[in-house]
């Protein structure tokens, strides 16, 4: 039976899914950064909609309570997203450095002594 907490979890999951998909559609976030949020949303909906699914998955993975599993999945997802963002920031910084060097070379402000 679905109770108030289940409905809240489903509502939050659906809202997060709709919001994430709209951000991806508007190109506000890249698809590869939206995928973890979509997966987390779907997991939240499935987890909230079926207590039996939540309990079976919790026991299967060795957690004591479904909330512990949900928290663990959320933390792992956020850490993975943080790593993805760090990789993208590093790539962007390297591209900017190369562009700055190319501009400096083209304007004659950069010599091999600056390496």
N, C-alpha and C. Protein backbone atom coordinates (compact mmCIF):
# COMPACT_ATOMS: atom_id res chain seq x y z
N UNK A 1 0.84 -1.19 0.00
CA UNK A 1 0.00 0.00 0.00
C UNK A 1 0.88 1.25 0.00
N UNK A 2 0.46 2.24 -0.75
CA UNK A 2 1.23 3.47 -0.87
C UNK A 2 0.77 4.45 0.20
N UNK A 3 1.75 4.96 0.97
CA UNK A 3 1.44 5.93 2.02
C UNK A 3 1.94 7.31 1.60
N UNK A 4 1.85 8.26 2.50
CA UNK A 4 2.22 9.64 2.22
C UNK A 4 3.70 9.75 1.83
N UNK A 5 4.57 9.01 2.51
CA UNK A 5 6.00 9.07 2.21
C UNK A 5 6.29 8.52 0.82
N UNK A 6 5.57 7.45 0.45
CA UNK A 6 5.75 6.90 -0.89
C UNK A 6 5.32 7.92 -1.95
N UNK A 7 4.18 8.56 -1.72
CA UNK A 7 3.70 9.57 -2.66
C UNK A 7 4.67 10.74 -2.77
N UNK A 8 5.23 11.13 -1.64
CA UNK A 8 6.22 12.21 -1.64
C UNK A 8 7.46 11.80 -2.45
N UNK A 9 7.93 10.58 -2.23
CA UNK A 9 9.09 10.08 -2.98
C UNK A 9 8.82 10.01 -4.48
N UNK A 10 7.62 9.54 -4.83
CA UNK A 10 7.25 9.48 -6.25
C UNK A 10 7.17 10.88 -6.83
N UNK A 11 6.56 11.80 -6.09
CA UNK A 11 6.44 13.18 -6.57
C UNK A 11 7.78 13.84 -6.77
N UNK A 12 8.68 13.66 -5.82
CA UNK A 12 10.02 14.24 -5.94
C UNK A 12 10.76 13.62 -7.12
N UNK A 13 10.64 12.31 -7.27
CA UNK A 13 11.30 11.62 -8.39
C UNK A 13 10.78 12.10 -9.73
N UNK A 14 9.46 12.23 -9.86
CA UNK A 14 8.86 12.69 -11.12
C UNK A 14 9.27 14.14 -11.39
N UNK A 15 9.22 14.99 -10.35
CA UNK A 15 9.61 16.39 -10.53
C UNK A 15 11.08 16.50 -10.96
N UNK A 16 11.95 15.71 -10.32
CA UNK A 16 13.36 15.73 -10.66
C UNK A 16 13.58 15.24 -12.09
N UNK A 17 12.84 14.21 -12.49
CA UNK A 17 12.95 13.68 -13.85
C UNK A 17 12.51 14.72 -14.88
N UNK A 18 11.36 15.33 -14.66
CA UNK A 18 10.86 16.35 -15.60
C UNK A 18 11.82 17.53 -15.68
N UNK A 19 12.29 17.97 -14.53
CA UNK A 19 13.22 19.11 -14.51
C UNK A 19 14.52 18.79 -15.24
N UNK A 20 15.07 17.61 -14.98
CA UNK A 20 16.32 17.21 -15.63
C UNK A 20 16.14 17.12 -17.14
N UNK A 21 15.06 16.47 -17.57
CA UNK A 21 14.83 16.34 -19.01
C UNK A 21 14.61 17.69 -19.67
N UNK A 22 13.95 18.61 -18.97
CA UNK A 22 13.76 19.95 -19.56
C UNK A 22 15.09 20.70 -19.64
N UNK A 23 15.96 20.53 -18.65
CA UNK A 23 17.28 21.16 -18.70
C UNK A 23 18.12 20.61 -19.85
N UNK A 24 18.04 19.31 -20.06
CA UNK A 24 18.77 18.70 -21.17
C UNK A 24 18.20 19.18 -22.50
N UNK A 25 16.88 19.23 -22.59
CA UNK A 25 16.22 19.67 -23.82
C UNK A 25 16.58 21.10 -24.17
N UNK A 26 16.65 21.97 -23.16
CA UNK A 26 17.01 23.38 -23.39
C UNK A 26 18.51 23.57 -23.54
N UNK A 27 19.26 22.48 -23.44
CA UNK A 27 20.72 22.50 -23.54
C UNK A 27 21.36 23.30 -22.40
N UNK A 28 20.67 23.31 -21.24
CA UNK A 28 21.24 23.97 -20.06
C UNK A 28 22.27 23.07 -19.38
N UNK A 29 22.09 21.76 -19.50
CA UNK A 29 23.11 20.82 -19.05
C UNK A 29 23.34 19.81 -20.17
N UNK A 30 24.54 19.29 -20.22
CA UNK A 30 24.87 18.30 -21.23
C UNK A 30 24.22 16.97 -20.87
N UNK A 31 23.93 16.19 -21.89
CA UNK A 31 23.26 14.91 -21.70
C UNK A 31 24.04 14.01 -20.74
N UNK A 32 25.36 13.98 -20.87
CA UNK A 32 26.14 13.09 -20.02
C UNK A 32 26.08 13.49 -18.55
N UNK A 33 25.76 14.76 -18.26
CA UNK A 33 25.58 15.17 -16.87
C UNK A 33 24.13 15.01 -16.43
N UNK A 34 23.22 14.92 -17.37
CA UNK A 34 21.82 14.70 -17.05
C UNK A 34 21.49 13.24 -16.78
N UNK A 35 22.25 12.34 -17.38
CA UNK A 35 21.97 10.91 -17.23
C UNK A 35 22.00 10.45 -15.77
N UNK A 36 23.01 10.84 -14.97
CA UNK A 36 22.97 10.40 -13.56
C UNK A 36 21.71 10.89 -12.83
N UNK A 37 21.25 12.10 -13.15
CA UNK A 37 20.05 12.62 -12.50
C UNK A 37 18.81 11.86 -12.96
N UNK A 38 18.77 11.50 -14.24
CA UNK A 38 17.64 10.72 -14.76
C UNK A 38 17.61 9.35 -14.09
N UNK A 39 18.76 8.71 -13.98
CA UNK A 39 18.83 7.39 -13.33
C UNK A 39 18.41 7.50 -11.86
N UNK A 40 18.89 8.52 -11.18
CA UNK A 40 18.52 8.73 -9.78
C UNK A 40 17.02 8.99 -9.64
N UNK A 41 16.44 9.73 -10.57
CA UNK A 41 15.00 10.00 -10.55
C UNK A 41 14.20 8.71 -10.73
N UNK A 42 14.59 7.92 -11.71
CA UNK A 42 13.88 6.66 -11.98
C UNK A 42 14.02 5.72 -10.79
N UNK A 43 15.20 5.66 -10.22
CA UNK A 43 15.42 4.84 -9.03
C UNK A 43 14.52 5.31 -7.89
N UNK A 44 14.42 6.62 -7.72
CA UNK A 44 13.58 7.17 -6.66
C UNK A 44 12.11 6.82 -6.88
N UNK A 45 11.65 6.91 -8.11
CA UNK A 45 10.25 6.57 -8.41
C UNK A 45 9.99 5.09 -8.15
N UNK A 46 10.87 4.24 -8.66
CA UNK A 46 10.69 2.79 -8.49
C UNK A 46 10.78 2.40 -7.02
N UNK A 47 11.72 3.00 -6.33
CA UNK A 47 11.94 2.70 -4.92
C UNK A 47 10.73 3.12 -4.08
N UNK A 48 10.15 4.28 -4.42
CA UNK A 48 9.01 4.80 -3.66
C UNK A 48 7.71 4.11 -4.03
N UNK A 49 7.59 3.69 -5.27
CA UNK A 49 6.32 3.11 -5.74
C UNK A 49 6.10 1.71 -5.20
N UNK A 50 7.16 0.98 -4.95
CA UNK A 50 7.01 -0.41 -4.54
C UNK A 50 7.83 -0.71 -3.29
N UNK A 51 7.16 -0.84 -2.18
CA UNK A 51 7.86 -1.18 -0.94
C UNK A 51 8.49 -2.56 -1.02
N UNK A 52 7.84 -3.48 -1.72
CA UNK A 52 8.40 -4.83 -1.83
C UNK A 52 9.69 -4.81 -2.64
N UNK A 53 9.70 -4.00 -3.72
CA UNK A 53 10.92 -3.86 -4.52
C UNK A 53 12.03 -3.27 -3.66
N UNK A 54 11.71 -2.24 -2.90
CA UNK A 54 12.70 -1.59 -2.05
C UNK A 54 13.25 -2.57 -1.01
N UNK A 55 12.36 -3.33 -0.40
CA UNK A 55 12.81 -4.28 0.63
C UNK A 55 13.64 -5.41 0.04
N UNK A 56 13.23 -5.93 -1.12
CA UNK A 56 13.99 -7.01 -1.76
C UNK A 56 15.37 -6.53 -2.18
N UNK A 57 15.42 -5.36 -2.79
CA UNK A 57 16.72 -4.83 -3.22
C UNK A 57 17.61 -4.52 -2.03
N UNK A 58 17.02 -4.02 -0.97
CA UNK A 58 17.78 -3.73 0.25
C UNK A 58 18.40 -5.00 0.82
N UNK A 59 17.60 -6.05 0.92
CA UNK A 59 18.12 -7.32 1.46
C UNK A 59 19.16 -7.92 0.52
N UNK A 60 18.89 -7.85 -0.78
CA UNK A 60 19.81 -8.42 -1.77
C UNK A 60 21.19 -7.77 -1.69
N UNK A 61 21.22 -6.46 -1.48
CA UNK A 61 22.49 -5.74 -1.45
C UNK A 61 23.09 -5.65 -0.05
N UNK A 62 22.40 -6.22 0.95
CA UNK A 62 22.97 -6.31 2.29
C UNK A 62 22.82 -5.08 3.15
N UNK A 63 21.85 -4.24 2.85
CA UNK A 63 21.60 -3.06 3.68
C UNK A 63 20.56 -3.41 4.72
N UNK A 64 20.60 -2.69 5.84
CA UNK A 64 19.65 -2.97 6.92
C UNK A 64 18.29 -2.34 6.64
N UNK A 65 18.28 -1.12 6.09
CA UNK A 65 17.04 -0.41 5.83
C UNK A 65 17.06 0.15 4.41
N UNK A 66 15.89 0.27 3.79
CA UNK A 66 15.83 0.87 2.45
C UNK A 66 16.40 2.29 2.40
N UNK A 67 16.22 3.05 3.46
CA UNK A 67 16.75 4.42 3.47
C UNK A 67 18.27 4.42 3.38
N UNK A 68 18.92 3.42 3.97
CA UNK A 68 20.38 3.33 3.89
C UNK A 68 20.83 3.07 2.45
N UNK A 69 20.10 2.21 1.76
CA UNK A 69 20.41 1.94 0.35
C UNK A 69 20.20 3.20 -0.49
N UNK A 70 19.09 3.87 -0.27
CA UNK A 70 18.80 5.07 -1.05
C UNK A 70 19.86 6.13 -0.82
N UNK A 71 20.26 6.33 0.43
CA UNK A 71 21.31 7.30 0.74
C UNK A 71 22.63 6.91 0.08
N UNK A 72 22.97 5.63 0.11
CA UNK A 72 24.21 5.16 -0.50
C UNK A 72 24.21 5.38 -2.00
N UNK A 73 23.11 5.07 -2.65
CA UNK A 73 23.00 5.28 -4.10
C UNK A 73 23.12 6.76 -4.42
N UNK A 74 22.49 7.60 -3.61
CA UNK A 74 22.57 9.04 -3.83
C UNK A 74 23.99 9.55 -3.67
N UNK A 75 24.68 9.12 -2.62
CA UNK A 75 26.06 9.56 -2.39
C UNK A 75 26.97 9.10 -3.52
N UNK A 76 26.86 7.85 -3.94
CA UNK A 76 27.69 7.34 -5.03
C UNK A 76 27.41 8.12 -6.32
N UNK A 77 26.14 8.41 -6.58
CA UNK A 77 25.78 9.17 -7.78
C UNK A 77 26.38 10.57 -7.74
N UNK A 78 26.31 11.23 -6.59
CA UNK A 78 26.86 12.57 -6.48
C UNK A 78 28.37 12.59 -6.60
N UNK A 79 29.03 11.58 -6.05
CA UNK A 79 30.49 11.48 -6.18
C UNK A 79 30.86 11.26 -7.66
N UNK A 80 30.15 10.37 -8.33
CA UNK A 80 30.42 10.12 -9.75
C UNK A 80 30.19 11.39 -10.58
N UNK A 81 29.13 12.11 -10.29
CA UNK A 81 28.86 13.35 -11.00
C UNK A 81 29.95 14.39 -10.72
N UNK A 82 30.40 14.45 -9.49
CA UNK A 82 31.50 15.36 -9.15
C UNK A 82 32.77 15.04 -9.92
N UNK A 83 33.06 13.76 -10.06
CA UNK A 83 34.25 13.35 -10.83
C UNK A 83 34.08 13.72 -12.30
N UNK A 84 32.89 13.47 -12.87
CA UNK A 84 32.64 13.86 -14.26
C UNK A 84 32.81 15.36 -14.46
N UNK A 85 32.30 16.14 -13.54
CA UNK A 85 32.43 17.59 -13.64
C UNK A 85 33.89 18.03 -13.51
N UNK A 86 34.64 17.39 -12.64
CA UNK A 86 36.06 17.71 -12.49
C UNK A 86 36.83 17.42 -13.77
N UNK A 87 36.50 16.33 -14.42
CA UNK A 87 37.15 15.98 -15.69
C UNK A 87 36.84 17.05 -16.74
N UNK A 88 35.57 17.47 -16.81
CA UNK A 88 35.18 18.48 -17.79
C UNK A 88 35.84 19.83 -17.50
N UNK A 89 35.94 20.20 -16.24
CA UNK A 89 36.59 21.47 -15.89
C UNK A 89 38.07 21.41 -16.27
N UNK A 90 38.71 20.30 -16.01
CA UNK A 90 40.12 20.14 -16.37
C UNK A 90 40.32 20.26 -17.88
N UNK A 91 39.45 19.61 -18.66
CA UNK A 91 39.54 19.72 -20.12
C UNK A 91 39.36 21.16 -20.57
N UNK A 92 38.41 21.86 -19.96
CA UNK A 92 38.15 23.25 -20.35
C UNK A 92 39.34 24.14 -20.01
N UNK A 93 39.93 23.95 -18.85
CA UNK A 93 41.09 24.75 -18.45
C UNK A 93 42.25 24.50 -19.42
N UNK A 94 42.47 23.25 -19.79
CA UNK A 94 43.56 22.94 -20.72
C UNK A 94 43.31 23.58 -22.09
N UNK A 95 42.05 23.55 -22.54
CA UNK A 95 41.72 24.20 -23.83
C UNK A 95 41.94 25.71 -23.75
N UNK A 96 41.57 26.31 -22.63
CA UNK A 96 41.78 27.75 -22.46
C UNK A 96 43.26 28.10 -22.42
N UNK A 97 44.05 27.27 -21.75
CA UNK A 97 45.49 27.52 -21.70
C UNK A 97 46.11 27.44 -23.10
N UNK A 98 45.70 26.44 -23.87
CA UNK A 98 46.22 26.31 -25.24
C UNK A 98 45.80 27.50 -26.10
N UNK A 99 44.56 27.93 -25.93
CA UNK A 99 44.07 29.09 -26.71
C UNK A 99 44.83 30.35 -26.31
N UNK A 100 45.09 30.53 -25.01
CA UNK A 100 45.83 31.70 -24.55
C UNK A 100 47.25 31.70 -25.11
N UNK A 101 47.87 30.53 -25.12
CA UNK A 101 49.23 30.43 -25.67
C UNK A 101 49.22 30.73 -27.16
N UNK A 102 48.23 30.20 -27.88
CA UNK A 102 48.14 30.46 -29.33
C UNK A 102 47.94 31.94 -29.60
N UNK A 103 47.12 32.61 -28.82
CA UNK A 103 46.90 34.05 -29.01
C UNK A 103 48.17 34.82 -28.70
N UNK A 104 48.84 34.44 -27.60
CA UNK A 104 50.09 35.12 -27.23
C UNK A 104 51.15 34.92 -28.30
N UNK A 105 51.25 33.74 -28.87
CA UNK A 105 52.22 33.48 -29.94
C UNK A 105 51.90 34.30 -31.18
N UNK A 106 50.60 34.37 -31.50
CA UNK A 106 50.22 35.11 -32.71
C UNK A 106 50.47 36.61 -32.55
N UNK A 107 50.44 37.10 -31.32
CA UNK A 107 50.69 38.52 -31.08
C UNK A 107 52.15 38.79 -30.72
N UNK A 108 52.97 37.75 -30.68
CA UNK A 108 54.39 37.91 -30.39
C UNK A 108 54.71 38.20 -28.94
N UNK A 109 53.81 37.90 -28.03
CA UNK A 109 54.03 38.16 -26.60
C UNK A 109 54.53 36.94 -25.86
N UNK A 110 54.70 35.86 -26.53
CA UNK A 110 55.07 34.60 -25.86
C UNK A 110 56.32 34.07 -26.52
N UNK A 111 57.34 33.80 -25.71
CA UNK A 111 58.58 33.26 -26.24
C UNK A 111 58.86 31.93 -25.58
N UNK A 112 59.84 31.21 -26.06
CA UNK A 112 60.18 29.91 -25.49
C UNK A 112 60.71 30.05 -24.07
N UNK A 113 61.16 31.26 -23.67
CA UNK A 113 61.64 31.48 -22.30
C UNK A 113 60.49 31.38 -21.30
N UNK A 114 59.27 31.64 -21.74
CA UNK A 114 58.10 31.60 -20.86
C UNK A 114 57.63 30.19 -20.59
N UNK A 115 58.16 29.20 -21.30
CA UNK A 115 57.72 27.80 -21.12
C UNK A 115 58.03 27.39 -19.78
